[in-house]
Amino acid sequence: VYRIDIEATPAYPDRHPTHGWQVRIRRQGEQHTKFFSDERCG
């Protein structure tokens, strides 16, 4: 479980802010990922 916090920067002023947690699991060469947004999850 990994924290994702992305903000706009001077180099990327149009970047959409993203805040939440991402689950990443790799099994038998297959990557399983899902993102849980702070805003959508309360």
PDB file of all heavy atoms in Angstrom:
ATOM      1  N   VAL A   1       0.872  -1.177   0.000  1.00  0.00           N
ATOM      2  CA  VAL A   1       0.000   0.000   0.000  1.00  0.00           C
ATOM      3  C   VAL A   1       0.907   1.225   0.000  1.00  0.00           C
ATOM      4  O   VAL A   1       1.747   1.387   0.883  1.00  0.00           O
ATOM      5  CB  VAL A   1      -0.933   0.021   1.226  1.00  0.00           C
ATOM      6  CG1 VAL A   1      -1.813   1.263   1.219  1.00  0.00           C
ATOM      7  CG2 VAL A   1      -1.803  -1.236   1.276  1.00  0.00           C
ATOM      8  N   TYR A   2       0.732   2.084  -1.005  1.00  0.00           N
ATOM      9  CA  TYR A   2       1.632   3.218  -1.214  1.00  0.00           C
ATOM     10  C   TYR A   2       0.850   4.525  -1.247  1.00  0.00           C
ATOM     11  O   TYR A   2      -0.229   4.596  -1.847  1.00  0.00           O
ATOM     12  CB  TYR A   2       2.396   3.052  -2.534  1.00  0.00           C
ATOM     13  CG  TYR A   2       3.155   1.752  -2.585  1.00  0.00           C
ATOM     14  CD1 TYR A   2       2.559   0.600  -3.089  1.00  0.00           C
ATOM     15  CD2 TYR A   2       4.442   1.671  -2.094  1.00  0.00           C
ATOM     16  CE1 TYR A   2       3.249  -0.609  -3.113  1.00  0.00           C
ATOM     17  CE2 TYR A   2       5.137   0.473  -2.107  1.00  0.00           C
ATOM     18  CZ  TYR A   2       4.527  -0.662  -2.623  1.00  0.00           C
ATOM     19  OH  TYR A   2       5.215  -1.853  -2.633  1.00  0.00           O
ATOM     20  N   ARG A   3       1.417   5.562  -0.653  1.00  0.00           N
ATOM     21  CA  ARG A   3       0.803   6.883  -0.642  1.00  0.00           C
ATOM     22  C   ARG A   3       1.150   7.610  -1.935  1.00  0.00           C
ATOM     23  O   ARG A   3       2.317   7.626  -2.369  1.00  0.00           O
ATOM     24  CB  ARG A   3       1.316   7.680   0.567  1.00  0.00           C
ATOM     25  CG  ARG A   3       0.715   9.055   0.707  1.00  0.00           C
ATOM     26  CD  ARG A   3      -0.721   9.010   1.128  1.00  0.00           C
ATOM     27  NE  ARG A   3      -1.296  10.364   1.043  1.00  0.00           N
ATOM     28  CZ  ARG A   3      -2.569  10.592   1.018  1.00  0.00           C
ATOM     29  NH1 ARG A   3      -3.430   9.600   1.096  1.00  0.00           N
ATOM     30  NH2 ARG A   3      -3.024  11.811   0.926  1.00  0.00           N
ATOM     31  N   ILE A   4       0.140   8.232  -2.542  1.00  0.00           N
ATOM     32  CA  ILE A   4       0.326   9.032  -3.750  1.00  0.00           C
ATOM     33  C   ILE A   4      -0.105  10.463  -3.428  1.00  0.00           C
ATOM     34  O   ILE A   4      -1.265  10.687  -3.058  1.00  0.00           O
ATOM     35  CB  ILE A   4      -0.528   8.496  -4.934  1.00  0.00           C
ATOM     36  CG1 ILE A   4      -0.286   7.017  -5.192  1.00  0.00           C
ATOM     37  CG2 ILE A   4      -0.316   9.357  -6.177  1.00  0.00           C
ATOM     38  CD1 ILE A   4       1.072   6.684  -5.741  1.00  0.00           C
ATOM     39  N   ASP A   5       0.806  11.406  -3.519  1.00  0.00           N
ATOM     40  CA  ASP A   5       0.516  12.833  -3.327  1.00  0.00           C
ATOM     41  C   ASP A   5       1.182  13.589  -4.464  1.00  0.00           C
ATOM     42  O   ASP A   5       2.396  13.738  -4.489  1.00  0.00           O
ATOM     43  CB  ASP A   5       1.050  13.331  -1.988  1.00  0.00           C
ATOM     44  CG  ASP A   5       0.181  12.912  -0.824  1.00  0.00           C
ATOM     45  OD1 ASP A   5      -1.043  13.145  -0.882  1.00  0.00           O
ATOM     46  OD2 ASP A   5       0.718  12.334   0.143  1.00  0.00           O
ATOM     47  N   ILE A   6       0.377  14.066  -5.390  1.00  0.00           N
ATOM     48  CA  ILE A   6       0.889  14.784  -6.564  1.00  0.00           C
ATOM     49  C   ILE A   6       0.255  16.169  -6.600  1.00  0.00           C
ATOM     50  O   ILE A   6      -0.966  16.301  -6.490  1.00  0.00           O
ATOM     51  CB  ILE A   6       0.571  14.015  -7.865  1.00  0.00           C
ATOM     52  CG1 ILE A   6       1.235  12.645  -7.852  1.00  0.00           C
ATOM     53  CG2 ILE A   6       1.003  14.834  -9.078  1.00  0.00           C
ATOM     54  CD1 ILE A   6       0.845  11.758  -9.012  1.00  0.00           C
ATOM     55  N   GLU A   7       1.078  17.178  -6.730  1.00  0.00           N
ATOM     56  CA  GLU A   7       0.625  18.568  -6.824  1.00  0.00           C
ATOM     57  C   GLU A   7       1.145  19.179  -8.127  1.00  0.00           C
ATOM     58  O   GLU A   7       2.109  18.686  -8.701  1.00  0.00           O
ATOM     59  CB  GLU A   7       1.175  19.387  -5.646  1.00  0.00           C
ATOM     60  CG  GLU A   7       0.630  18.999  -4.298  1.00  0.00           C
ATOM     61  CD  GLU A   7      -0.809  19.432  -4.075  1.00  0.00           C
ATOM     62  OE1 GLU A   7      -1.334  20.239  -4.876  1.00  0.00           O
ATOM     63  OE2 GLU A   7      -1.404  18.945  -3.113  1.00  0.00           O
ATOM     64  N   ALA A   8       0.515  20.254  -8.537  1.00  0.00           N
ATOM     65  CA  ALA A   8       1.035  21.020  -9.671  1.00  0.00           C
ATOM     66  C   ALA A   8       2.392  21.603  -9.278  1.00  0.00           C
ATOM     67  O   ALA A   8       2.626  21.910  -8.106  1.00  0.00           O
ATOM     68  CB  ALA A   8       0.062  22.124 -10.044  1.00  0.00           C
ATOM     69  N   THR A   9       3.281  21.707 -10.239  1.00  0.00           N
ATOM     70  CA  THR A   9       4.610  22.283 -10.006  1.00  0.00           C
ATOM     71  C   THR A   9       4.857  23.354 -11.058  1.00  0.00           C
ATOM     72  O   THR A   9       4.133  23.429 -12.059  1.00  0.00           O
ATOM     73  CB  THR A   9       5.710  21.202 -10.130  1.00  0.00           C
ATOM     74  OG1 THR A   9       5.722  20.725 -11.484  1.00  0.00           O
ATOM     75  CG2 THR A   9       5.483  20.055  -9.167  1.00  0.00           C
ATOM     76  N   PRO A  10       5.880  24.175 -10.873  1.00  0.00           N
ATOM     77  CA  PRO A  10       6.189  25.163 -11.911  1.00  0.00           C
ATOM     78  C   PRO A  10       6.446  24.506 -13.273  1.00  0.00           C
ATOM     79  O   PRO A  10       6.069  25.044 -14.308  1.00  0.00           O
ATOM     80  CB  PRO A  10       7.439  25.860 -11.381  1.00  0.00           C
ATOM     81  CG  PRO A  10       7.326  25.730  -9.897  1.00  0.00           C
ATOM     82  CD  PRO A  10       6.706  24.370  -9.674  1.00  0.00           C
ATOM     83  N   ALA A  11       7.049  23.330 -13.271  1.00  0.00           N
ATOM     84  CA  ALA A  11       7.317  22.637 -14.538  1.00  0.00           C
ATOM     85  C   ALA A  11       6.041  22.062 -15.152  1.00  0.00           C
ATOM     86  O   ALA A  11       5.939  21.910 -16.367  1.00  0.00           O
ATOM     87  CB  ALA A  11       8.330  21.524 -14.316  1.00  0.00           C
ATOM     88  N   TYR A  12       5.053  21.708 -14.300  1.00  0.00           N
ATOM     89  CA  TYR A  12       3.785  21.119 -14.765  1.00  0.00           C
ATOM     90  C   TYR A  12       2.618  21.835 -14.089  1.00  0.00           C
ATOM     91  O   TYR A  12       1.928  21.272 -13.239  1.00  0.00           O
ATOM     92  CB  TYR A  12       3.732  19.622 -14.442  1.00  0.00           C
ATOM     93  CG  TYR A  12       4.826  18.829 -15.083  1.00  0.00           C
ATOM     94  CD1 TYR A  12       5.983  18.507 -14.386  1.00  0.00           C
ATOM     95  CD2 TYR A  12       4.711  18.418 -16.409  1.00  0.00           C
ATOM     96  CE1 TYR A  12       7.001  17.779 -14.981  1.00  0.00           C
ATOM     97  CE2 TYR A  12       5.728  17.697 -17.018  1.00  0.00           C
ATOM     98  CZ  TYR A  12       6.869  17.387 -16.297  1.00  0.00           C
ATOM     99  OH  TYR A  12       7.876  16.673 -16.898  1.00  0.00           O
ATOM    100  N   PRO A  13       2.366  23.090 -14.469  1.00  0.00           N
ATOM    101  CA  PRO A  13       1.339  23.881 -13.773  1.00  0.00           C
ATOM    102  C   PRO A  13      -0.091  23.378 -13.994  1.00  0.00           C
ATOM    103  O   PRO A  13      -0.972  23.668 -13.190  1.00  0.00           O
ATOM    104  CB  PRO A  13       1.523  25.288 -14.354  1.00  0.00           C
ATOM    105  CG  PRO A  13       2.163  25.061 -15.687  1.00  0.00           C
ATOM    106  CD  PRO A  13       3.023  23.838 -15.531  1.00  0.00           C
ATOM    107  N   ASP A  14      -0.337  22.612 -15.046  1.00  0.00           N
ATOM    108  CA  ASP A  14      -1.689  22.127 -15.342  1.00  0.00           C
ATOM    109  C   ASP A  14      -1.962  20.746 -14.753  1.00  0.00           C
ATOM    110  O   ASP A  14      -3.034  20.181 -14.964  1.00  0.00           O
ATOM    111  CB  ASP A  14      -1.925  22.085 -16.858  1.00  0.00           C
ATOM    112  CG  ASP A  14      -1.872  23.480 -17.467  1.00  0.00           C
ATOM    113  OD1 ASP A  14      -2.256  24.444 -16.768  1.00  0.00           O
ATOM    114  OD2 ASP A  14      -1.449  23.602 -18.623  1.00  0.00           O
ATOM    115  N   ARG A  15      -0.998  20.188 -14.022  1.00  0.00           N
ATOM    116  CA  ARG A  15      -1.152  18.852 -13.436  1.00  0.00           C
ATOM    117  C   ARG A  15      -2.287  18.871 -12.401  1.00  0.00           C
ATOM    118  O   ARG A  15      -2.361  19.750 -11.564  1.00  0.00           O
ATOM    119  CB  ARG A  15       0.144  18.429 -12.778  1.00  0.00           C
ATOM    120  CG  ARG A  15       0.065  17.052 -12.143  1.00  0.00           C
ATOM    121  CD  ARG A  15       1.354  16.682 -11.485  1.00  0.00           C
ATOM    122  NE  ARG A  15       2.298  16.266 -12.505  1.00  0.00           N
ATOM    123  CZ  ARG A  15       3.599  16.156 -12.317  1.00  0.00           C
ATOM    124  NH1 ARG A  15       4.137  16.450 -11.163  1.00  0.00           N
ATOM    125  NH2 ARG A  15       4.379  15.750 -13.279  1.00  0.00           N
ATOM    126  N   HIS A  16      -3.143  17.877 -12.490  1.00  0.00           N
ATOM    127  CA  HIS A  16      -4.262  17.769 -11.549  1.00  0.00           C
ATOM    128  C   HIS A  16      -3.758  17.202 -10.221  1.00  0.00           C
ATOM    129  O   HIS A  16      -3.068  16.185 -10.207  1.00  0.00           O
ATOM    130  CB  HIS A  16      -5.338  16.848 -12.135  1.00  0.00           C
ATOM    131  CG  HIS A  16      -6.580  16.812 -11.321  1.00  0.00           C
ATOM    132  ND1 HIS A  16      -6.716  16.016 -10.220  1.00  0.00           N
ATOM    133  CD2 HIS A  16      -7.740  17.496 -11.437  1.00  0.00           C
ATOM    134  CE1 HIS A  16      -7.908  16.195  -9.686  1.00  0.00           C
ATOM    135  NE2 HIS A  16      -8.548  17.086 -10.409  1.00  0.00           N
ATOM    136  N   PRO A  17      -4.087  17.819  -9.094  1.00  0.00           N
ATOM    137  CA  PRO A  17      -3.638  17.276  -7.811  1.00  0.00           C
ATOM    138  C   PRO A  17      -4.272  15.900  -7.547  1.00  0.00           C
ATOM    139  O   PRO A  17      -5.459  15.712  -7.790  1.00  0.00           O
ATOM    140  CB  PRO A  17      -4.126  18.286  -6.777  1.00  0.00           C
ATOM    141  CG  PRO A  17      -4.777  19.378  -7.517  1.00  0.00           C
ATOM    142  CD  PRO A  17      -4.848  19.039  -8.954  1.00  0.00           C
ATOM    143  N   THR A  18      -3.474  14.974  -7.074  1.00  0.00           N
ATOM    144  CA  THR A  18      -3.925  13.615  -6.799  1.00  0.00           C
ATOM    145  C   THR A  18      -3.432  13.213  -5.416  1.00  0.00           C
ATOM    146  O   THR A  18      -2.244  13.297  -5.131  1.00  0.00           O
ATOM    147  CB  THR A  18      -3.361  12.638  -7.854  1.00  0.00           C
ATOM    148  OG1 THR A  18      -3.773  13.073  -9.147  1.00  0.00           O
ATOM    149  CG2 THR A  18      -3.851  11.223  -7.622  1.00  0.00           C
ATOM    150  N   HIS A  19      -4.376  12.775  -4.572  1.00  0.00           N
ATOM    151  CA  HIS A  19      -4.027  12.367  -3.215  1.00  0.00           C
ATOM    152  C   HIS A  19      -4.806  11.108  -2.875  1.00  0.00           C
ATOM    153  O   HIS A  19      -6.031  11.084  -3.000  1.00  0.00           O
ATOM    154  CB  HIS A  19      -4.360  13.468  -2.203  1.00  0.00           C
ATOM    155  CG  HIS A  19      -3.695  14.759  -2.512  1.00  0.00           C
ATOM    156  ND1 HIS A  19      -2.371  14.985  -2.222  1.00  0.00           N
ATOM    157  CD2 HIS A  19      -4.149  15.880  -3.119  1.00  0.00           C
ATOM    158  CE1 HIS A  19      -2.048  16.206  -2.618  1.00  0.00           C
ATOM    159  NE2 HIS A  19      -3.103  16.763  -3.171  1.00  0.00           N
ATOM    160  N   GLY A  20      -4.091  10.070  -2.466  1.00  0.00           N
ATOM    161  CA  GLY A  20      -4.763   8.838  -2.089  1.00  0.00           C
ATOM    162  C   GLY A  20      -3.769   7.718  -1.864  1.00  0.00           C
ATOM    163  O   GLY A  20      -2.561   7.948  -1.722  1.00  0.00           O
ATOM    164  N   TRP A  21      -4.281   6.503  -1.820  1.00  0.00           N
ATOM    165  CA  TRP A  21      -3.484   5.303  -1.570  1.00  0.00           C
ATOM    166  C   TRP A  21      -3.623   4.355  -2.739  1.00  0.00           C
ATOM    167  O   TRP A  21      -4.718   4.194  -3.290  1.00  0.00           O
ATOM    168  CB  TRP A  21      -3.959   4.617  -0.295  1.00  0.00           C
ATOM    169  CG  TRP A  21      -3.798   5.473   0.909  1.00  0.00           C
ATOM    170  CD1 TRP A  21      -4.723   6.341   1.426  1.00  0.00           C
ATOM    171  CD2 TRP A  21      -2.642   5.582   1.732  1.00  0.00           C
ATOM    172  NE1 TRP A  21      -4.201   6.974   2.521  1.00  0.00           N
ATOM    173  CE2 TRP A  21      -2.929   6.525   2.740  1.00  0.00           C
ATOM    174  CE3 TRP A  21      -1.396   4.970   1.723  1.00  0.00           C
ATOM    175  CZ2 TRP A  21      -2.015   6.880   3.726  1.00  0.00           C
ATOM    176  CZ3 TRP A  21      -0.492   5.317   2.710  1.00  0.00           C
ATOM    177  CH2 TRP A  21      -0.800   6.253   3.695  1.00  0.00           C
ATOM    178  N   GLN A  22      -2.534   3.720  -3.121  1.00  0.00           N
ATOM    179  CA  GLN A  22      -2.557   2.754  -4.216  1.00  0.00           C
ATOM    180  C   GLN A  22      -2.087   1.399  -3.701  1.00  0.00           C
ATOM    181  O   GLN A  22      -1.080   1.304  -3.007  1.00  0.00           O
ATOM    182  CB  GLN A  22      -1.653   3.203  -5.360  1.00  0.00           C
ATOM    183  CG  GLN A  22      -1.755   2.298  -6.572  1.00  0.00           C
ATOM    184  CD  GLN A  22      -0.892   2.798  -7.712  1.00  0.00           C
ATOM    185  OE1 GLN A  22       0.253   3.147  -7.520  1.00  0.00           O
ATOM    186  NE2 GLN A  22      -1.473   2.830  -8.893  1.00  0.00           N
ATOM    187  N   VAL A  23      -2.860   0.371  -4.058  1.00  0.00           N
ATOM    188  CA  VAL A  23      -2.481  -1.003  -3.744  1.00  0.00           C
ATOM    189  C   VAL A  23      -1.800  -1.557  -4.985  1.00  0.00           C
ATOM    190  O   VAL A  23      -2.336  -1.445  -6.094  1.00  0.00           O
ATOM    191  CB  VAL A  23      -3.724  -1.851  -3.380  1.00  0.00           C
ATOM    192  CG1 VAL A  23      -3.338  -3.304  -3.174  1.00  0.00           C
ATOM    193  CG2 VAL A  23      -4.409  -1.285  -2.154  1.00  0.00           C
ATOM    194  N   ARG A  24      -0.607  -2.148  -4.801  1.00  0.00           N
ATOM    195  CA  ARG A  24       0.143  -2.749  -5.909  1.00  0.00           C
ATOM    196  C   ARG A  24       0.629  -4.129  -5.485  1.00  0.00           C
ATOM    197  O   ARG A  24       1.391  -4.253  -4.531  1.00  0.00           O
ATOM    198  CB  ARG A  24       1.366  -1.910  -6.268  1.00  0.00           C
ATOM    199  CG  ARG A  24       1.042  -0.632  -6.973  1.00  0.00           C
ATOM    200  CD  ARG A  24       2.315   0.074  -7.365  1.00  0.00           C
ATOM    201  NE  ARG A  24       2.381   1.324  -6.601  1.00  0.00           N
ATOM    202  CZ  ARG A  24       3.480   1.985  -6.357  1.00  0.00           C
ATOM    203  NH1 ARG A  24       4.640   1.552  -6.761  1.00  0.00           N
ATOM    204  NH2 ARG A  24       3.444   3.098  -5.673  1.00  0.00           N
ATOM    205  N   ILE A  25       0.178  -5.139  -6.221  1.00  0.00           N
ATOM    206  CA  ILE A  25       0.599  -6.514  -5.939  1.00  0.00           C
ATOM    207  C   ILE A  25       0.925  -7.184  -7.262  1.00  0.00           C
ATOM    208  O   ILE A  25       0.143  -7.106  -8.215  1.00  0.00           O
ATOM    209  CB  ILE A  25      -0.512  -7.297  -5.204  1.00  0.00           C
ATOM    210  CG1 ILE A  25      -0.816  -6.628  -3.870  1.00  0.00           C
ATOM    211  CG2 ILE A  25      -0.104  -8.749  -5.009  1.00  0.00           C
ATOM    212  CD1 ILE A  25      -1.986  -7.208  -3.131  1.00  0.00           C
ATOM    213  N   ARG A  26       2.072  -7.851  -7.316  1.00  0.00           N
ATOM    214  CA  ARG A  26       2.471  -8.596  -8.513  1.00  0.00           C
ATOM    215  C   ARG A  26       2.505 -10.074  -8.150  1.00  0.00           C
ATOM    216  O   ARG A  26       3.155 -10.480  -7.198  1.00  0.00           O
ATOM    217  CB  ARG A  26       3.852  -8.162  -8.994  1.00  0.00           C
ATOM    218  CG  ARG A  26       4.318  -8.928 -10.224  1.00  0.00           C
ATOM    219  CD  ARG A  26       5.655  -8.438 -10.737  1.00  0.00           C
ATOM    220  NE  ARG A  26       5.562  -7.121 -11.347  1.00  0.00           N
ATOM    221  CZ  ARG A  26       5.138  -6.899 -12.595  1.00  0.00           C
ATOM    222  NH1 ARG A  26       4.768  -7.899 -13.349  1.00  0.00           N
ATOM    223  NH2 ARG A  26       5.099  -5.685 -13.087  1.00  0.00           N
ATOM    224  N   ARG A  27       1.772 -10.878  -8.941  1.00  0.00           N
ATOM    225  CA  ARG A  27       1.761 -12.329  -8.763  1.00  0.00           C
ATOM    226  C   ARG A  27       1.837 -12.986 -10.130  1.00  0.00           C
ATOM    227  O   ARG A  27       1.091 -12.631 -11.035  1.00  0.00           O
ATOM    228  CB  ARG A  27       0.485 -12.811  -8.056  1.00  0.00           C
ATOM    229  CG  ARG A  27       0.386 -12.430  -6.591  1.00  0.00           C
ATOM    230  CD  ARG A  27       1.421 -13.172  -5.755  1.00  0.00           C
ATOM    231  NE  ARG A  27       1.287 -12.912  -4.341  1.00  0.00           N
ATOM    232  CZ  ARG A  27       1.820 -11.884  -3.696  1.00  0.00           C
ATOM    233  NH1 ARG A  27       2.525 -11.008  -4.356  1.00  0.00           N
ATOM    234  NH2 ARG A  27       1.664 -11.729  -2.404  1.00  0.00           N
ATOM    235  N   GLN A  28       2.742 -13.929 -10.254  1.00  0.00           N
ATOM    236  CA  GLN A  28       2.922 -14.711 -11.481  1.00  0.00           C
ATOM    237  C   GLN A  28       3.028 -13.800 -12.709  1.00  0.00           C
ATOM    238  O   GLN A  28       2.421 -14.042 -13.748  1.00  0.00           O
ATOM    239  CB  GLN A  28       1.788 -15.723 -11.648  1.00  0.00           C
ATOM    240  CG  GLN A  28       1.746 -16.739 -10.518  1.00  0.00           C
ATOM    241  CD  GLN A  28       0.611 -17.711 -10.647  1.00  0.00           C
ATOM    242  OE1 GLN A  28      -0.328 -17.508 -11.412  1.00  0.00           O
ATOM    243  NE2 GLN A  28       0.687 -18.775  -9.872  1.00  0.00           N
ATOM    244  N   GLY A  29       3.804 -12.737 -12.561  1.00  0.00           N
ATOM    245  CA  GLY A  29       4.054 -11.825 -13.672  1.00  0.00           C
ATOM    246  C   GLY A  29       2.917 -10.868 -13.980  1.00  0.00           C
ATOM    247  O   GLY A  29       3.009 -10.069 -14.901  1.00  0.00           O
ATOM    248  N   GLU A  30       1.836 -10.918 -13.216  1.00  0.00           N
ATOM    249  CA  GLU A  30       0.686 -10.040 -13.459  1.00  0.00           C
ATOM    250  C   GLU A  30       0.610  -8.986 -12.362  1.00  0.00           C
ATOM    251  O   GLU A  30       0.696  -9.298 -11.167  1.00  0.00           O
ATOM    252  CB  GLU A  30      -0.605 -10.860 -13.474  1.00  0.00           C
ATOM    253  CG  GLU A  30      -1.811 -10.064 -13.898  1.00  0.00           C
ATOM    254  CD  GLU A  30      -3.048 -10.934 -14.041  1.00  0.00           C
ATOM    255  OE1 GLU A  30      -2.906 -12.151 -14.202  1.00  0.00           O
ATOM    256  OE2 GLU A  30      -4.148 -10.369 -13.972  1.00  0.00           O
ATOM    257  N   GLN A  31       0.462  -7.720 -12.771  1.00  0.00           N
ATOM    258  CA  GLN A  31       0.386  -6.604 -11.833  1.00  0.00           C
ATOM    259  C   GLN A  31      -1.077  -6.294 -11.531  1.00  0.00           C
ATOM    260  O   GLN A  31      -1.892  -6.146 -12.442  1.00  0.00           O
ATOM    261  CB  GLN A  31       1.054  -5.366 -12.441  1.00  0.00           C
ATOM    262  CG  GLN A  31       1.064  -4.162 -11.546  1.00  0.00           C
ATOM    263  CD  GLN A  31       2.101  -4.237 -10.458  1.00  0.00           C
ATOM    264  OE1 GLN A  31       3.103  -4.926 -10.581  1.00  0.00           O
ATOM    265  NE2 GLN A  31       1.873  -3.539  -9.382  1.00  0.00           N
ATOM    266  N   HIS A  32      -1.406  -6.205 -10.250  1.00  0.00           N
ATOM    267  CA  HIS A  32      -2.747  -5.833  -9.795  1.00  0.00           C
ATOM    268  C   HIS A  32      -2.621  -4.501  -9.074  1.00  0.00           C
ATOM    269  O   HIS A  32      -1.858  -4.387  -8.115  1.00  0.00           O
ATOM    270  CB  HIS A  32      -3.303  -6.885  -8.822  1.00  0.00           C
ATOM    271  CG  HIS A  32      -3.355  -8.259  -9.403  1.00  0.00           C
ATOM    272  ND1 HIS A  32      -4.448  -8.735 -10.069  1.00  0.00           N
ATOM    273  CD2 HIS A  32      -2.431  -9.248  -9.421  1.00  0.00           C
ATOM    274  CE1 HIS A  32      -4.203  -9.969 -10.467  1.00  0.00           C
ATOM    275  NE2 HIS A  32      -2.982 -10.302 -10.091  1.00  0.00           N
ATOM    276  N   THR A  33      -3.359  -3.473  -9.534  1.00  0.00           N
ATOM    277  CA  THR A  33      -3.302  -2.161  -8.904  1.00  0.00           C
ATOM    278  C   THR A  33      -4.702  -1.576  -8.774  1.00  0.00           C
ATOM    279  O   THR A  33      -5.586  -1.852  -9.599  1.00  0.00           O
ATOM    280  CB  THR A  33      -2.440  -1.160  -9.706  1.00  0.00           C
ATOM    281  OG1 THR A  33      -3.058  -0.922 -10.963  1.00  0.00           O
ATOM    282  CG2 THR A  33      -1.033  -1.658  -9.907  1.00  0.00           C
ATOM    283  N   LYS A  34      -4.884  -0.801  -7.722  1.00  0.00           N
ATOM    284  CA  LYS A  34      -6.135  -0.070  -7.538  1.00  0.00           C
ATOM    285  C   LYS A  34      -5.830   1.151  -6.698  1.00  0.00           C
ATOM    286  O   LYS A  34      -5.068   1.082  -5.737  1.00  0.00           O
ATOM    287  CB  LYS A  34      -7.187  -0.940  -6.865  1.00  0.00           C
ATOM    288  CG  LYS A  34      -8.551  -0.277  -6.801  1.00  0.00           C
ATOM    289  CD  LYS A  34      -9.630  -1.250  -6.403  1.00  0.00           C
ATOM    290  CE  LYS A  34     -10.981  -0.547  -6.403  1.00  0.00           C
ATOM    291  NZ  LYS A  34     -12.063  -1.473  -6.112  1.00  0.00           N
ATOM    292  N   PHE A  35      -6.445   2.295  -7.067  1.00  0.00           N
ATOM    293  CA  PHE A  35      -6.214   3.560  -6.386  1.00  0.00           C
ATOM    294  C   PHE A  35      -7.440   3.935  -5.559  1.00  0.00           C
ATOM    295  O   PHE A  35      -8.581   3.800  -6.021  1.00  0.00           O
ATOM    296  CB  PHE A  35      -5.926   4.665  -7.419  1.00  0.00           C
ATOM    297  CG  PHE A  35      -5.636   5.992  -6.791  1.00  0.00           C
ATOM    298  CD1 PHE A  35      -4.427   6.234  -6.171  1.00  0.00           C
ATOM    299  CD2 PHE A  35      -6.572   7.000  -6.822  1.00  0.00           C
ATOM    300  CE1 PHE A  35      -4.149   7.460  -5.583  1.00  0.00           C
ATOM    301  CE2 PHE A  35      -6.311   8.231  -6.252  1.00  0.00           C
ATOM    302  CZ  PHE A  35      -5.099   8.457  -5.629  1.00  0.00           C
ATOM    303  N   PHE A  36      -7.193   4.419  -4.340  1.00  0.00           N
ATOM    304  CA  PHE A  36      -8.251   4.843  -3.429  1.00  0.00           C
ATOM    305  C   PHE A  36      -8.046   6.323  -3.115  1.00  0.00           C
ATOM    306  O   PHE A  36      -7.144   6.694  -2.362  1.00  0.00           O
ATOM    307  CB  PHE A  36      -8.217   3.992  -2.147  1.00  0.00           C
ATOM    308  CG  PHE A  36      -8.529   2.552  -2.406  1.00  0.00           C
ATOM    309  CD1 PHE A  36      -7.523   1.684  -2.815  1.00  0.00           C
ATOM    310  CD2 PHE A  36      -9.816   2.078  -2.291  1.00  0.00           C
ATOM    311  CE1 PHE A  36      -7.800   0.353  -3.086  1.00  0.00           C
ATOM    312  CE2 PHE A  36     -10.105   0.751  -2.563  1.00  0.00           C
ATOM    313  CZ  PHE A  36      -9.110  -0.120  -2.966  1.00  0.00           C
ATOM    314  N   SER A  37      -8.877   7.165  -3.718  1.00  0.00           N
ATOM    315  CA  SER A  37      -8.773   8.612  -3.595  1.00  0.00           C
ATOM    316  C   SER A  37      -9.238   9.077  -2.213  1.00  0.00           C
ATOM    317  O   SER A  37     -10.277   8.638  -1.712  1.00  0.00           O
ATOM    318  CB  SER A  37      -9.650   9.257  -4.665  1.00  0.00           C
ATOM    319  OG  SER A  37      -9.865  10.623  -4.399  1.00  0.00           O
ATOM    320  N   ASP A  38      -8.472   9.995  -1.607  1.00  0.00           N
ATOM    321  CA  ASP A  38      -8.887  10.586  -0.334  1.00  0.00           C
ATOM    322  C   ASP A  38     -10.259  11.238  -0.473  1.00  0.00           C
ATOM    323  O   ASP A  38     -11.131  11.061   0.380  1.00  0.00           O
ATOM    324  CB  ASP A  38      -7.890  11.663   0.114  1.00  0.00           C
ATOM    325  CG  ASP A  38      -6.541  11.106   0.530  1.00  0.00           C
ATOM    326  OD1 ASP A  38      -6.392   9.879   0.624  1.00  0.00           O
ATOM    327  OD2 ASP A  38      -5.630  11.928   0.767  1.00  0.00           O
ATOM    328  N   GLU A  39     -10.447  11.975  -1.542  1.00  0.00           N
ATOM    329  CA  GLU A  39     -11.694  12.719  -1.737  1.00  0.00           C
ATOM    330  C   GLU A  39     -12.890  11.788  -1.901  1.00  0.00           C
ATOM    331  O   GLU A  39     -13.923  11.973  -1.269  1.00  0.00           O
ATOM    332  CB  GLU A  39     -11.564  13.627  -2.962  1.00  0.00           C
ATOM    333  CG  GLU A  39     -12.755  14.537  -3.166  1.00  0.00           C
ATOM    334  CD  GLU A  39     -12.562  15.511  -4.301  1.00  0.00           C
ATOM    335  OE1 GLU A  39     -11.414  15.798  -4.677  1.00  0.00           O
ATOM    336  OE2 GLU A  39     -13.588  15.985  -4.825  1.00  0.00           O
ATOM    337  N   ARG A  40     -12.757  10.767  -2.716  1.00  0.00           N
ATOM    338  CA  ARG A  40     -13.875   9.858  -2.980  1.00  0.00           C
ATOM    339  C   ARG A  40     -14.178   8.918  -1.811  1.00  0.00           C
ATOM    340  O   ARG A  40     -15.303   8.440  -1.693  1.00  0.00           O
ATOM    341  CB  ARG A  40     -13.610   9.039  -4.230  1.00  0.00           C
ATOM    342  CG  ARG A  40     -13.699   9.872  -5.480  1.00  0.00           C
ATOM    343  CD  ARG A  40     -13.649   9.013  -6.702  1.00  0.00           C
ATOM    344  NE  ARG A  40     -13.803   9.844  -7.888  1.00  0.00           N
ATOM    345  CZ  ARG A  40     -13.787   9.376  -9.099  1.00  0.00           C
ATOM    346  NH1 ARG A  40     -13.597   8.096  -9.320  1.00  0.00           N
ATOM    347  NH2 ARG A  40     -13.937  10.192 -10.121  1.00  0.00           N
ATOM    348  N   CYS A  41     -13.174   8.667  -0.978  1.00  0.00           N
ATOM    349  CA  CYS A  41     -13.356   7.730   0.143  1.00  0.00           C
ATOM    350  C   CYS A  41     -13.695   8.430   1.449  1.00  0.00           C
ATOM    351  O   CYS A  41     -13.845   7.770   2.478  1.00  0.00           O
ATOM    352  CB  CYS A  41     -12.098   6.876   0.314  1.00  0.00           C
ATOM    353  SG  CYS A  41     -11.817   5.734  -1.042  1.00  0.00           S
ATOM    354  N   GLY A  42     -13.784   9.760   1.444  1.00  0.00           N
ATOM    355  CA  GLY A  42     -14.162  10.477   2.653  1.00  0.00           C
ATOM    356  C   GLY A  42     -13.005  10.903   3.538  1.00  0.00           C
ATOM    357  O   GLY A  42     -13.203  11.185   4.708  1.00  0.00           O
TER     358      GLY A  42
END
